[in-house]
Amino acid sequence: MKKALVTGASGFLGTHLVKRLEKEKIQVFISNTKTANLLDYDNLKIFDGVKFDYIFHLAVVQKAGDWSLTHTGDQWYYNQIMNSNILRYWKDKQPQAKFINMGTSCSYSPNTPMKENNYLLGEPESSLYTYAMIKRLMQIGLQSFGNQYGLKWLCFIPSTLYGNEFHERDNHFIFDFIKNCYQAKHNNKKFTIWGDGTVRRELIHVDDACNAIVNLLDHDNEIFNLGSGQDYTINEFAEYVCDSFDYDYNKIERDLSKYVGVKEKSLDITKVSKYYKDNYIKIPPKDGIKLVTNWYINKKKKTDKSKIELNKLLGTKLDNNSKFIIPDNINSIKIDVGLAGEAPNSAIWLDETTDRFVIGIEPLPYHWGMIKDLKTSNSKREYPKDFKFLQLNKGIIELNGQEISKIGDRFCGIECAIDNIGDNVEFAEFYEMDRTDGASGSSSLLKPSTHHPHFIQNIVKTPVISLKSILDCIDWERFPYIEHIKTDCEGKDFDVVKSIGKYLPNILYITSEMTSNIHHWQNSCNPQEFINFMIDNGFSCYHTGTDLICINDKLEAKHHSDITQGLLLNYKTLGY
């Protein structure tokens, strides 16, 4: 199987290109701001031992609009570091790989035809000069390394890319038009475009661009323009968007004071077209814009529905700013995912100190019945003498049937399951295992296999959210990090941890069940993939008994280097 490294893999083009390469059965390794960040050459050491067939360099520090006018120094500095590091890595570590670079139409001089042999000629447009020259220098670097060391490369220069699955923070004009028109249509907001709309631009659908890139990989040391072959005025694009939303185009307002860039951009695609019998553009702009707006409308409907469902789950637990209501004396937060029937970890945490807040997550109504009042739950389980558990109806923590401390307002219980589903709220079947001798603690979102030692007691329909959705409700100015997240999710722990998303660097400790009985569930997570993921994201990992303990190296050094060994000792003491 061929292997490819994709830098900038989390960006718009990167996410689509990764999918396209995987469709070709190419094994993809990624570099982004969290994994193998190119600002430090040593970060690339995680790929030691891997021989790449291709390096796709998409990473760039750049934003649409007038950002390039006000951040020329930052733009130059950071891009030069990344470009130099990846070129050096290519030459020193991966000389067998073909290097595929993404250029920019901004590098063309407005005074020359936009043909590939003119890419390095003339002066780029002044407002985009820094970004344009960064991309030119990258191309000069490619050619220089190729000439001196006999390396192979390709460069693709796309017109403005668009397509589904763009992020709300993507601010290229066509994405802004779609977002703004949606707000105008549904929320009575203004739809404003910059300038009078007469400047001309060219779009290429990201699927067409990715197909062309993959189909041209056999070529060596060449530059290819990738465009649709037709430019349109900004007004025409705005009209296509309005038609897709059934919005009155005449309601658009125009801000003539705003920066609009060069008057026109249209790439010459004569060269790339020679390699296709038919037009390689399968999605013309008008049709493509309709497809993207339909995707965006469906996404917003799903998001709005998810917000309603999330509010049902969390509404009473949040303040007017959609943040958890947490007492003033609280100094730390722990999150307990998978309480089981007694919430022993939450009980220990709350009993240890009075300045800690615990968020407890559990999907099974049967378990919540035990957590609220063990005596009325019909549980026949016998407990060790030192076993602490919550009793929410009484507002206390019990040990041997006696109150040892009060809970107060320090516990927030959420009745749901956790999975890696982004910002959505979904409903899924949850398999409750039999209730004898604590076996219901092995219940899971995963269907039990024929090897599971217990039978299915019940199948419960439960709401499912991501940990990110919960972490969105943390006041991060007050609590810059979460002290501890514990997961006990019966084969789903890796997905649960991945669902933390962008907040992973803000978690000090993560402890997750790493049972050897992964064959008990269908489609259970791979323990080694889990460990590799945590290491790649800056965590040191320890395996004690059935649990994986992950310690955030940066946060641990900054905040809690004195209690790391205590955490490990505590887990051994508890017998986990």
Protein backbone atom coordinates (compact mmCIF):
# COMPACT_ATOMS: atom_id res chain seq x y z
CA MET A 1 0.00 0.00 0.00
CA LYS A 2 1.32 3.44 -0.93
CA LYS A 3 1.76 6.00 1.84
CA ALA A 4 1.22 9.75 1.82
CA LEU A 5 1.90 12.57 4.26
CA VAL A 6 -0.61 15.41 4.03
CA THR A 7 0.28 18.68 5.77
CA GLY A 8 -2.56 21.05 6.52
CA ALA A 9 -4.79 17.99 6.62
CA SER A 10 -7.40 19.66 8.84
CA GLY A 11 -8.09 22.46 6.38
CA PHE A 12 -10.84 22.55 3.78
CA LEU A 13 -8.80 21.11 0.91
CA GLY A 14 -6.91 18.80 3.27
CA THR A 15 -10.00 17.04 4.61
CA HIS A 16 -11.31 16.41 1.10
CA LEU A 17 -7.95 15.34 -0.31
CA VAL A 18 -7.41 12.86 2.54
CA LYS A 19 -10.74 11.21 1.72
CA ARG A 20 -9.87 11.10 -1.98
CA LEU A 21 -6.47 9.53 -1.33
CA GLU A 22 -7.99 6.93 0.98
CA LYS A 23 -10.45 6.10 -1.77
CA GLU A 24 -7.38 5.25 -3.87
CA LYS A 25 -6.24 2.87 -1.09
CA ILE A 26 -3.38 5.18 -0.12
CA GLN A 27 -2.48 5.12 3.58
CA VAL A 28 -2.59 8.72 4.81
CA PHE A 29 -0.55 10.27 7.64
CA ILE A 30 -1.46 13.80 8.67
CA SER A 31 0.27 16.91 9.89
CA ASN A 32 -1.66 19.82 11.38
CA THR A 33 -1.39 22.25 14.28
CA LYS A 34 -1.80 19.40 16.81
CA THR A 35 0.02 16.54 15.10
CA ALA A 36 3.51 16.99 13.60
CA ASN A 37 3.19 20.79 13.59
CA LEU A 38 5.64 22.06 10.96
CA LEU A 39 6.73 25.03 13.06
CA ASP A 40 9.13 22.62 14.82
CA TYR A 41 11.19 20.29 12.64
CA ASP A 42 11.54 17.75 15.45
CA ASN A 43 7.76 17.20 15.44
CA LEU A 44 8.22 15.23 12.22
CA LYS A 45 10.15 12.56 14.11
CA ILE A 46 6.85 10.78 14.81
CA PHE A 47 7.06 9.54 11.21
CA ASP A 48 10.48 7.93 11.69
CA GLY A 49 10.39 4.51 10.08
CA VAL A 50 7.68 5.47 7.58
CA LYS A 51 8.67 5.75 3.92
CA PHE A 52 6.28 8.01 2.05
CA ASP A 53 5.47 7.76 -1.63
CA TYR A 54 3.99 11.27 -1.61
CA ILE A 55 4.21 14.41 0.48
CA PHE A 56 1.26 16.75 -0.10
CA HIS A 57 2.10 20.19 1.29
CA LEU A 58 -1.10 22.12 1.96
CA ALA A 59 -0.19 23.77 5.27
CA VAL A 60 -0.18 27.56 5.14
CA VAL A 61 -0.80 30.49 7.44
CA GLN A 62 -3.25 32.65 5.48
CA LYS A 63 -6.78 33.99 5.83
CA ALA A 64 -9.23 35.44 3.34
CA GLY A 65 -10.21 39.12 3.12
CA ASP A 66 -7.81 41.85 4.28
CA TRP A 67 -5.90 39.75 6.85
CA SER A 68 -2.90 39.54 4.53
CA LEU A 69 -2.69 43.35 4.54
CA THR A 70 -2.44 43.68 8.31
CA HIS A 71 -0.33 40.62 9.19
CA THR A 72 2.43 40.65 6.60
CA GLY A 73 5.24 40.01 9.11
CA ASP A 74 3.53 37.10 10.86
CA GLN A 75 2.52 35.65 7.52
CA TRP A 76 6.06 35.77 6.19
CA TYR A 77 7.75 34.41 9.31
CA TYR A 78 5.52 31.42 10.06
CA ASN A 79 5.15 30.28 6.46
CA GLN A 80 8.88 30.47 5.83
CA ILE A 81 9.55 28.28 8.87
CA MET A 82 6.99 25.67 7.82
CA ASN A 83 8.12 25.63 4.20
CA SER A 84 11.79 25.35 5.10
CA ASN A 85 11.14 22.53 7.55
CA ILE A 86 9.08 20.43 5.14
CA LEU A 87 11.60 20.92 2.31
CA ARG A 88 14.44 19.89 4.61
CA TYR A 89 12.45 16.85 5.76
CA TRP A 90 11.83 15.87 2.14
CA LYS A 91 15.50 16.06 1.24
CA ASP A 92 16.93 14.51 4.42
CA LYS A 93 14.33 11.88 5.35
CA GLN A 94 12.03 11.20 2.37
CA PRO A 95 13.99 11.68 -0.87
CA GLN A 96 12.07 8.84 -2.52
CA ALA A 97 8.77 10.70 -2.10
CA LYS A 98 7.21 12.88 -4.75
CA PHE A 99 6.50 16.31 -3.28
CA ILE A 100 3.13 17.80 -4.28
CA ASN A 101 2.84 21.48 -3.50
CA MET A 102 -0.22 23.74 -3.63
CA GLY A 103 0.47 27.10 -5.22
CA THR A 104 -1.86 30.09 -5.44
CA SER A 105 -3.31 32.14 -8.25
CA CYS A 106 -2.34 35.21 -6.18
CA SER A 107 1.26 34.65 -7.28
CA TYR A 108 0.46 35.50 -10.87
CA SER A 109 1.16 39.06 -11.93
CA PRO A 110 -2.03 40.89 -13.00
CA ASN A 111 -0.05 42.07 -16.03
CA THR A 112 0.67 38.60 -17.47
CA PRO A 113 -1.60 35.79 -18.71
CA MET A 114 -2.21 33.20 -15.98
CA LYS A 115 -0.31 30.42 -17.74
CA GLU A 116 1.98 28.07 -15.81
CA ASN A 117 5.20 29.34 -17.43
CA ASN A 118 4.40 32.84 -16.11
CA TYR A 119 4.02 31.77 -12.47
CA LEU A 120 7.31 33.33 -11.35
CA LEU A 121 7.26 36.32 -13.69
CA GLY A 122 6.30 39.94 -13.02
CA GLU A 123 5.08 41.62 -9.84
CA PRO A 124 2.12 40.13 -7.94
CA GLU A 125 -0.77 42.38 -6.96
CA SER A 126 0.43 44.68 -4.16
CA SER A 127 -2.29 43.87 -1.61
CA LEU A 128 -1.39 40.14 -1.73
CA TYR A 129 2.33 40.62 -2.27
CA THR A 130 3.62 38.85 0.86
CA TYR A 131 1.45 35.77 0.47
CA ALA A 132 2.15 35.62 -3.27
CA MET A 133 5.91 35.78 -2.76
CA ILE A 134 5.82 33.15 -0.02
CA LYS A 135 4.19 30.76 -2.49
CA ARG A 136 6.64 31.70 -5.23
CA LEU A 137 9.60 31.08 -2.95
CA MET A 138 8.16 27.69 -2.07
CA GLN A 139 8.05 26.85 -5.76
CA ILE A 140 11.64 28.05 -6.18
CA GLY A 141 12.58 25.81 -3.26
CA LEU A 142 10.89 22.83 -4.92
CA GLN A 143 12.74 23.40 -8.17
CA SER A 144 16.05 24.05 -6.41
CA PHE A 145 15.90 20.91 -4.28
CA GLY A 146 14.72 18.92 -7.27
CA ASN A 147 17.58 20.12 -9.45
CA GLN A 148 20.35 19.64 -6.86
CA TYR A 149 19.22 16.35 -5.33
CA GLY A 150 17.33 14.72 -8.20
CA LEU A 151 13.98 14.85 -6.37
CA LYS A 152 10.55 14.72 -8.02
CA TRP A 153 7.77 17.22 -7.46
CA LEU A 154 4.48 18.63 -8.75
CA CYS A 155 2.76 21.95 -8.15
CA PHE A 156 -0.99 22.58 -8.51
CA ILE A 157 -2.43 26.08 -8.65
CA PRO A 158 -6.19 26.04 -8.01
CA SER A 159 -8.65 28.85 -8.46
CA THR A 160 -10.91 29.52 -5.45
CA LEU A 161 -12.01 26.17 -4.00
CA TYR A 162 -15.51 25.52 -2.73
CA GLY A 163 -17.64 22.52 -1.79
CA ASN A 164 -19.44 20.80 1.07
CA GLU A 165 -18.10 20.47 4.60
CA PHE A 166 -16.61 23.91 4.86
CA HIS A 167 -16.17 25.26 8.38
CA GLU A 168 -18.02 28.29 9.74
CA ARG A 169 -14.65 30.03 10.11
CA ASP A 170 -13.83 29.58 6.39
CA ASN A 171 -14.16 33.10 5.00
CA HIS A 172 -13.59 32.86 1.25
CA PHE A 173 -16.18 34.97 -0.47
CA ILE A 174 -18.39 32.13 -1.68
CA PHE A 175 -18.61 30.63 1.82
CA ASP A 176 -19.41 34.05 3.27
CA PHE A 177 -22.16 34.50 0.67
CA ILE A 178 -23.74 31.18 1.64
CA LYS A 179 -23.54 31.87 5.38
CA ASN A 180 -24.79 35.44 5.05
CA CYS A 181 -27.64 34.54 2.72
CA TYR A 182 -28.78 31.85 5.15
CA GLN A 183 -28.84 34.41 7.97
CA ALA A 184 -30.69 36.91 5.79
CA LYS A 185 -33.26 34.30 4.77
CA HIS A 186 -33.87 32.72 8.18
CA ASN A 187 -32.88 35.37 10.76
CA ASN A 188 -33.65 38.63 8.93
CA LYS A 189 -29.98 39.68 8.89
CA LYS A 190 -28.37 41.90 6.27
CA PHE A 191 -26.68 40.28 3.27
CA THR A 192 -23.82 42.60 2.33
CA ILE A 193 -21.11 42.11 -0.29
CA TRP A 194 -17.89 44.08 -0.52
CA GLY A 195 -17.60 46.52 -3.42
CA ASP A 196 -19.97 46.92 -6.34
CA GLY A 197 -19.77 43.24 -7.31
CA THR A 198 -18.20 43.76 -10.73
CA VAL A 199 -14.84 42.12 -9.99
CA ARG A 200 -14.51 38.69 -11.58
CA ARG A 201 -13.54 35.45 -9.92
CA GLU A 202 -13.26 31.77 -10.84
CA LEU A 203 -14.34 28.79 -8.75
CA ILE A 204 -13.46 25.10 -8.89
CA HIS A 205 -15.35 22.50 -6.88
CA VAL A 206 -13.05 20.74 -4.43
CA ASP A 207 -14.10 17.31 -5.76
CA ASP A 208 -13.01 18.26 -9.29
CA ALA A 209 -9.71 19.62 -7.93
CA CYS A 210 -8.96 16.48 -5.88
CA ASN A 211 -9.79 14.21 -8.81
CA ALA A 212 -7.42 16.17 -11.05
CA ILE A 213 -4.62 16.05 -8.46
CA VAL A 214 -4.92 12.27 -8.06
CA ASN A 215 -5.17 11.67 -11.81
CA LEU A 216 -2.01 13.69 -12.54
CA LEU A 217 0.26 12.15 -9.90
CA ASP A 218 2.24 10.21 -12.51
CA HIS A 219 3.67 13.44 -13.91
CA ASP A 220 7.01 14.79 -12.70
CA ASN A 221 8.37 18.29 -12.14
CA GLU A 222 5.46 20.21 -13.64
CA ILE A 223 3.06 22.99 -12.68
CA PHE A 224 -0.66 22.64 -13.41
CA ASN A 225 -3.37 25.27 -13.17
CA LEU A 226 -6.66 23.89 -11.88
CA GLY A 227 -9.68 26.03 -12.71
CA SER A 228 -13.13 25.77 -14.20
CA GLY A 229 -12.15 27.67 -17.33
CA GLN A 230 -14.78 30.37 -16.79
CA ASP A 231 -14.88 33.40 -14.52
CA TYR A 232 -17.98 35.25 -13.30
CA THR A 233 -18.67 38.54 -11.60
CA ILE A 234 -19.18 38.59 -7.86
CA ASN A 235 -22.73 39.73 -8.56
CA GLU A 236 -23.36 36.59 -10.62
CA PHE A 237 -22.11 34.35 -7.84
CA ALA A 238 -24.27 36.24 -5.35
CA GLU A 239 -27.28 35.74 -7.61
CA TYR A 240 -26.61 31.98 -7.82
CA VAL A 241 -26.53 31.83 -4.03
CA CYS A 242 -29.75 33.83 -3.72
CA ASP A 243 -31.47 31.54 -6.22
CA SER A 244 -30.41 28.50 -4.21
CA PHE A 245 -31.93 29.98 -1.04
CA ASP A 246 -34.96 31.45 -2.83
CA TYR A 247 -33.87 34.85 -1.49
CA ASP A 248 -34.52 38.17 -3.24
CA TYR A 249 -31.24 39.18 -4.89
CA ASN A 250 -32.33 42.84 -4.90
CA LYS A 251 -32.17 42.93 -1.10
CA ILE A 252 -28.36 42.59 -1.16
CA GLU A 253 -26.49 45.62 0.18
CA ARG A 254 -23.06 46.70 -1.05
CA ASP A 255 -20.26 48.20 1.01
CA LEU A 256 -18.15 50.23 -1.40
CA SER A 257 -15.56 51.06 1.27
CA LYS A 258 -14.29 47.50 1.57
CA TYR A 259 -11.20 45.92 0.02
CA VAL A 260 -12.09 43.81 -3.05
CA GLY A 261 -8.71 42.73 -4.43
CA VAL A 262 -7.71 42.48 -8.09
CA LYS A 263 -10.28 43.16 -10.79
CA GLU A 264 -10.26 39.70 -12.31
CA LYS A 265 -8.78 36.22 -11.93
CA SER A 266 -9.11 33.44 -14.47
CA LEU A 267 -6.58 30.64 -14.87
CA ASP A 268 -5.51 29.32 -18.24
CA ILE A 269 -6.33 25.58 -18.10
CA THR A 270 -5.08 24.65 -21.57
CA LYS A 271 -2.29 22.48 -20.15
CA VAL A 272 -4.38 20.37 -17.76
CA SER A 273 -7.17 19.99 -20.31
CA LYS A 274 -4.80 18.26 -22.74
CA TYR A 275 -4.72 15.21 -20.49
CA TYR A 276 -8.50 14.70 -20.54
CA LYS A 277 -10.66 13.53 -23.44
CA ASP A 278 -13.64 15.29 -21.91
CA ASN A 279 -13.89 18.35 -19.71
CA TYR A 280 -12.37 17.45 -16.33
CA ILE A 281 -14.79 19.85 -14.64
CA LYS A 282 -17.80 17.72 -13.72
CA ILE A 283 -19.48 20.25 -11.41
CA PRO A 284 -20.03 23.68 -13.01
CA PRO A 285 -20.24 26.60 -10.54
CA LYS A 286 -23.99 27.20 -10.72
CA ASP A 287 -24.76 23.52 -10.05
CA GLY A 288 -22.03 23.28 -7.43
CA ILE A 289 -23.30 26.29 -5.50
CA LYS A 290 -26.76 24.70 -5.40
CA LEU A 291 -25.24 21.49 -4.01
CA VAL A 292 -23.28 23.37 -1.34
CA THR A 293 -26.22 25.51 -0.24
CA ASN A 294 -28.41 22.39 0.08
CA TRP A 295 -25.71 20.77 2.22
CA TYR A 296 -25.44 23.91 4.36
CA ILE A 297 -29.21 24.16 4.86
CA ASN A 298 -29.38 20.52 5.98
CA LYS A 299 -26.39 21.05 8.26
CA LYS A 300 -28.03 24.07 9.91
CA LYS A 301 -31.31 22.20 10.37
CA LYS A 302 -29.45 19.36 12.04
CA THR A 303 -27.46 21.82 14.16
CA ASP A 304 -30.59 23.69 15.24
CA LYS A 305 -32.30 20.42 16.15
CA SER A 306 -29.21 19.34 18.09
CA LYS A 307 -29.19 22.63 20.00
CA ILE A 308 -32.78 22.04 21.07
CA GLU A 309 -32.00 18.52 22.23
CA LEU A 310 -28.82 19.67 23.97
CA ASN A 311 -30.79 22.35 25.77
CA LYS A 312 -33.19 19.66 27.01
CA LEU A 313 -30.22 17.76 28.45
CA LEU A 314 -28.29 20.67 29.91
CA GLY A 315 -30.66 23.64 30.05
CA THR A 316 -31.36 23.72 33.79
CA LYS A 317 -27.69 23.13 34.57
CA LEU A 318 -26.50 26.21 32.63
CA ASP A 319 -26.53 29.96 33.31
CA ASN A 320 -27.65 32.70 30.92
CA ASN A 321 -24.30 32.46 29.09
CA SER A 322 -24.76 28.70 28.48
CA LYS A 323 -22.05 27.85 31.02
CA PHE A 324 -22.34 25.32 33.84
CA ILE A 325 -23.60 26.77 37.12
CA ILE A 326 -20.65 26.17 39.44
CA PRO A 327 -20.35 27.43 43.04
CA ASP A 328 -17.92 30.28 43.70
CA ASN A 329 -15.67 28.22 46.00
CA ILE A 330 -14.83 25.63 43.30
CA ASN A 331 -11.20 25.51 42.11
CA SER A 332 -11.11 22.36 39.96
CA ILE A 333 -13.34 20.20 37.74
CA LYS A 334 -13.34 16.45 37.13
CA ILE A 335 -15.55 14.59 34.65
CA ASP A 336 -16.75 11.04 35.28
CA VAL A 337 -17.94 9.32 32.08
CA GLY A 338 -19.71 6.05 32.88
CA LEU A 339 -20.90 6.28 36.48
CA ALA A 340 -22.30 2.72 36.67
CA GLY A 341 -24.77 2.15 39.46
CA GLU A 342 -22.98 3.80 42.38
CA ALA A 343 -20.69 6.49 40.88
CA PRO A 344 -17.73 5.41 43.08
CA ASN A 345 -15.17 7.66 41.36
CA SER A 346 -17.41 10.70 41.73
CA ALA A 347 -17.97 9.81 45.38
CA ILE A 348 -14.21 9.58 46.04
CA TRP A 349 -13.50 12.84 44.23
CA LEU A 350 -16.22 14.78 46.04
CA ASP A 351 -15.26 13.35 49.42
CA GLU A 352 -11.59 14.30 48.96
CA THR A 353 -12.16 18.06 48.95
CA THR A 354 -14.98 20.59 49.09
CA ASP A 355 -13.61 22.86 46.34
CA ARG A 356 -14.05 20.36 43.48
CA PHE A 357 -16.92 20.18 40.95
CA VAL A 358 -17.77 16.87 39.29
CA ILE A 359 -19.72 16.34 36.08
CA GLY A 360 -21.10 12.79 36.00
CA ILE A 361 -22.35 11.17 32.78
CA GLU A 362 -24.37 7.97 32.63
CA PRO A 363 -26.99 6.78 30.10
CA LEU A 364 -28.85 4.02 31.99
CA PRO A 365 -32.02 4.98 33.93
CA TYR A 366 -31.46 1.89 36.10
CA HIS A 367 -28.08 3.21 37.21
CA TRP A 368 -29.49 6.67 37.90
CA GLY A 369 -32.07 5.01 40.13
CA MET A 370 -29.26 3.46 42.17
CA ILE A 371 -27.32 6.74 42.30
CA LYS A 372 -30.38 8.59 43.54
CA ASP A 373 -31.45 5.99 46.12
CA LEU A 374 -29.71 2.64 46.35
CA LYS A 375 -32.31 1.17 48.73
CA THR A 376 -35.17 1.54 46.25
CA SER A 377 -33.22 0.22 43.24
CA ASN A 378 -33.60 -3.48 44.10
CA SER A 379 -29.85 -3.92 43.73
CA LYS A 380 -28.63 -7.19 45.25
CA ARG A 381 -24.94 -6.42 44.85
CA GLU A 382 -22.70 -6.79 47.90
CA TYR A 383 -20.16 -4.00 48.37
CA PRO A 384 -16.70 -3.92 49.98
CA LYS A 385 -16.55 -2.20 53.37
CA ASP A 386 -14.54 0.76 52.00
CA PHE A 387 -16.89 1.36 49.05
CA LYS A 388 -18.11 4.97 48.76
CA PHE A 389 -21.13 5.88 46.62
CA LEU A 390 -23.40 8.81 45.86
CA GLN A 391 -26.96 9.09 47.15
CA LEU A 392 -28.36 12.09 45.29
CA ASN A 393 -31.83 12.10 46.85
CA LYS A 394 -30.21 12.59 50.24
CA GLY A 395 -27.47 14.83 48.84
CA ILE A 396 -24.77 12.78 50.56
CA ILE A 397 -21.87 10.39 50.05
CA GLU A 398 -22.26 7.13 51.94
CA LEU A 399 -19.79 4.60 53.31
CA ASN A 400 -21.11 1.41 54.92
CA GLY A 401 -24.58 2.92 54.92
CA GLN A 402 -23.42 6.01 56.82
CA GLU A 403 -23.13 9.62 55.63
CA ILE A 404 -19.50 10.74 55.40
CA SER A 405 -19.91 14.04 53.52
CA LYS A 406 -22.44 16.20 51.74
CA ILE A 407 -22.57 16.77 47.98
CA GLY A 408 -24.17 20.21 47.93
CA ASP A 409 -24.08 21.92 44.52
CA ARG A 410 -20.81 20.26 43.54
CA PHE A 411 -22.22 17.52 41.31
CA CYS A 412 -23.87 17.85 37.89
CA GLY A 413 -25.42 14.66 36.50
CA ILE A 414 -26.16 14.25 32.78
CA GLU A 415 -28.24 11.31 31.54
CA CYS A 416 -26.76 10.48 28.12
CA ALA A 417 -24.07 8.47 26.35
CA ILE A 418 -20.90 9.90 24.80
CA ASP A 419 -19.55 9.27 21.31
CA ASN A 420 -17.42 11.07 18.75
CA ILE A 421 -20.26 12.79 16.86
CA GLY A 422 -19.13 16.43 16.78
CA ASP A 423 -21.76 19.01 17.73
CA ASN A 424 -24.71 16.75 17.03
CA VAL A 425 -27.22 15.20 19.39
CA GLU A 426 -28.27 11.76 18.25
CA PHE A 427 -30.29 8.92 19.73
CA ALA A 428 -28.87 5.41 19.79
CA GLU A 429 -29.52 1.99 21.24
CA PHE A 430 -27.68 1.32 24.48
CA TYR A 431 -27.25 -2.33 25.49
CA GLU A 432 -27.97 -2.84 29.18
CA MET A 433 -26.46 -6.08 30.43
CA ASP A 434 -28.02 -8.21 33.15
CA ARG A 435 -28.34 -6.70 36.62
CA THR A 436 -26.84 -9.49 38.69
CA ASP A 437 -23.72 -8.80 40.73
CA GLY A 438 -22.94 -5.47 39.06
CA ALA A 439 -22.91 -6.88 35.51
CA SER A 440 -24.94 -3.90 34.29
CA GLY A 441 -21.68 -1.97 34.60
CA SER A 442 -20.58 -3.70 31.38
CA SER A 443 -23.39 -2.07 29.39
CA SER A 444 -22.35 -0.26 26.22
CA LEU A 445 -23.29 1.57 23.03
CA LEU A 446 -21.59 -1.35 21.30
CA LYS A 447 -23.56 -4.48 20.67
CA PRO A 448 -22.19 -7.37 22.76
CA SER A 449 -20.57 -10.18 20.83
CA THR A 450 -21.27 -13.86 21.34
CA HIS A 451 -18.19 -13.90 23.64
CA HIS A 452 -19.75 -11.54 26.18
CA PRO A 453 -20.21 -13.37 29.52
CA HIS A 454 -23.52 -11.64 30.34
CA PHE A 455 -26.91 -11.49 28.64
CA ILE A 456 -28.78 -8.41 27.40
CA GLN A 457 -31.25 -7.26 30.05
CA ASN A 458 -32.68 -4.37 28.06
CA ILE A 459 -32.04 -2.12 25.05
CA VAL A 460 -32.47 1.54 25.96
CA LYS A 461 -32.85 4.44 23.53
CA THR A 462 -30.52 7.13 24.84
CA PRO A 463 -29.38 10.60 23.74
CA VAL A 464 -25.76 10.71 22.59
CA ILE A 465 -23.50 13.77 22.55
CA SER A 466 -19.76 14.45 22.40
CA LEU A 467 -17.58 15.54 25.29
CA LYS A 468 -16.86 18.65 23.24
CA SER A 469 -20.52 19.66 23.58
CA ILE A 470 -20.16 19.41 27.35
CA LEU A 471 -16.80 21.18 27.38
CA ASP A 472 -18.28 24.01 25.31
CA CYS A 473 -20.26 24.82 28.47
CA ILE A 474 -17.17 25.29 30.68
CA ASP A 475 -16.15 28.84 31.60
CA TRP A 476 -12.59 28.52 30.30
CA GLU A 477 -11.54 31.93 31.61
CA ARG A 478 -12.35 30.74 35.13
CA PHE A 479 -11.12 27.16 34.63
CA PRO A 480 -8.22 27.12 32.11
CA TYR A 481 -7.98 23.33 32.29
CA ILE A 482 -9.95 20.26 33.42
CA GLU A 483 -8.11 18.35 36.11
CA HIS A 484 -9.27 14.84 35.24
CA ILE A 485 -11.56 12.99 32.82
CA LYS A 486 -12.29 9.33 33.59
CA THR A 487 -13.95 7.10 31.01
CA ASP A 488 -15.38 3.62 31.55
CA CYS A 489 -17.33 3.02 28.37
CA GLU A 490 -16.97 -0.65 27.60
CA GLY A 491 -15.12 -0.67 24.28
CA LYS A 492 -15.98 2.92 23.32
CA ASP A 493 -13.34 4.75 25.37
CA PHE A 494 -11.17 5.78 22.41
CA ASP A 495 -14.16 7.34 20.63
CA VAL A 496 -15.16 9.08 23.84
CA VAL A 497 -11.70 10.61 24.24
CA LYS A 498 -11.55 11.65 20.58
CA SER A 499 -14.86 13.42 21.11
CA ILE A 500 -13.04 15.91 23.36
CA GLY A 501 -11.93 17.54 20.11
CA LYS A 502 -10.22 20.93 20.35
CA TYR A 503 -10.21 20.84 24.15
CA LEU A 504 -7.78 17.92 24.42
CA PRO A 505 -4.79 20.21 25.18
CA ASN A 506 -6.80 21.60 28.12
CA ILE A 507 -7.18 18.25 29.90
CA LEU A 508 -4.58 17.48 32.56
CA TYR A 509 -5.27 13.76 33.15
CA ILE A 510 -7.33 11.19 31.29
CA THR A 511 -7.90 7.70 32.64
CA SER A 512 -9.68 5.21 30.41
CA GLU A 513 -10.60 1.59 30.68
CA MET A 514 -8.24 -0.52 28.56
CA THR A 515 -9.72 -3.94 29.23
CA SER A 516 -8.21 -6.95 27.53
CA ASN A 517 -11.74 -8.22 26.88
CA ILE A 518 -12.19 -6.17 23.71
CA HIS A 519 -13.73 -9.23 22.04
CA HIS A 520 -16.77 -8.79 24.30
CA TRP A 521 -18.15 -6.08 21.97
CA GLN A 522 -18.55 -5.72 18.25
CA ASN A 523 -16.33 -3.01 16.67
CA SER A 524 -14.45 -2.31 19.92
CA CYS A 525 -11.61 0.22 19.87
CA ASN A 526 -8.01 -0.78 19.16
CA PRO A 527 -5.90 -0.23 22.32
CA GLN A 528 -2.67 0.47 20.43
CA GLU A 529 -4.34 3.07 18.21
CA PHE A 530 -5.64 4.71 21.38
CA ILE A 531 -2.16 4.87 22.91
CA ASN A 532 -0.59 6.20 19.71
CA PHE A 533 -3.27 8.89 19.48
CA MET A 534 -2.58 10.09 23.01
CA ILE A 535 1.19 10.13 22.51
CA ASP A 536 0.79 12.07 19.25
CA ASN A 537 -1.25 14.65 21.16
CA GLY A 538 1.38 15.29 23.82
CA PHE A 539 0.40 12.82 26.56
CA SER A 540 2.58 10.36 28.45
CA CYS A 541 0.80 7.03 28.85
CA TYR A 542 0.88 4.47 31.66
CA HIS A 543 -0.95 1.15 31.73
CA THR A 544 -1.87 -0.10 35.19
CA GLY A 545 -4.07 -3.13 35.38
CA THR A 546 -7.03 -2.50 33.09
CA ASP A 547 -6.71 1.30 32.84
CA LEU A 548 -4.73 3.61 30.60
CA ILE A 549 -3.51 6.72 32.43
CA CYS A 550 -2.66 9.65 30.13
CA ILE A 551 -0.86 12.71 31.48
CA ASN A 552 -0.71 15.96 29.51
CA ASP A 553 3.03 16.70 29.52
CA LYS A 554 2.76 20.48 29.14
CA LEU A 555 -0.01 20.98 31.67
CA GLU A 556 1.53 18.52 34.12
CA ALA A 557 4.85 20.37 34.08
CA LYS A 558 3.11 23.73 34.48
CA HIS A 559 0.52 22.89 37.13
CA HIS A 560 0.81 19.55 38.86
CA SER A 561 4.23 17.94 38.57
CA ASP A 562 4.06 17.17 42.31
CA ILE A 563 1.00 14.90 42.12
CA THR A 564 1.74 12.75 39.07
CA GLN A 565 3.22 9.94 41.11
CA GLY A 566 0.37 10.29 43.57
CA LEU A 567 -2.11 9.72 40.76
CA LEU A 568 -0.32 6.57 39.63
CA LEU A 569 -0.03 5.31 43.20
CA ASN A 570 -3.70 6.05 43.81
CA TYR A 571 -4.71 3.94 40.84
CA LYS A 572 -2.61 1.04 42.04
CA THR A 573 -4.11 1.44 45.49
CA LEU A 574 -7.64 1.36 44.09
CA GLY A 575 -6.75 -1.77 42.14
CA TYR A 576 -7.63 -0.35 38.70
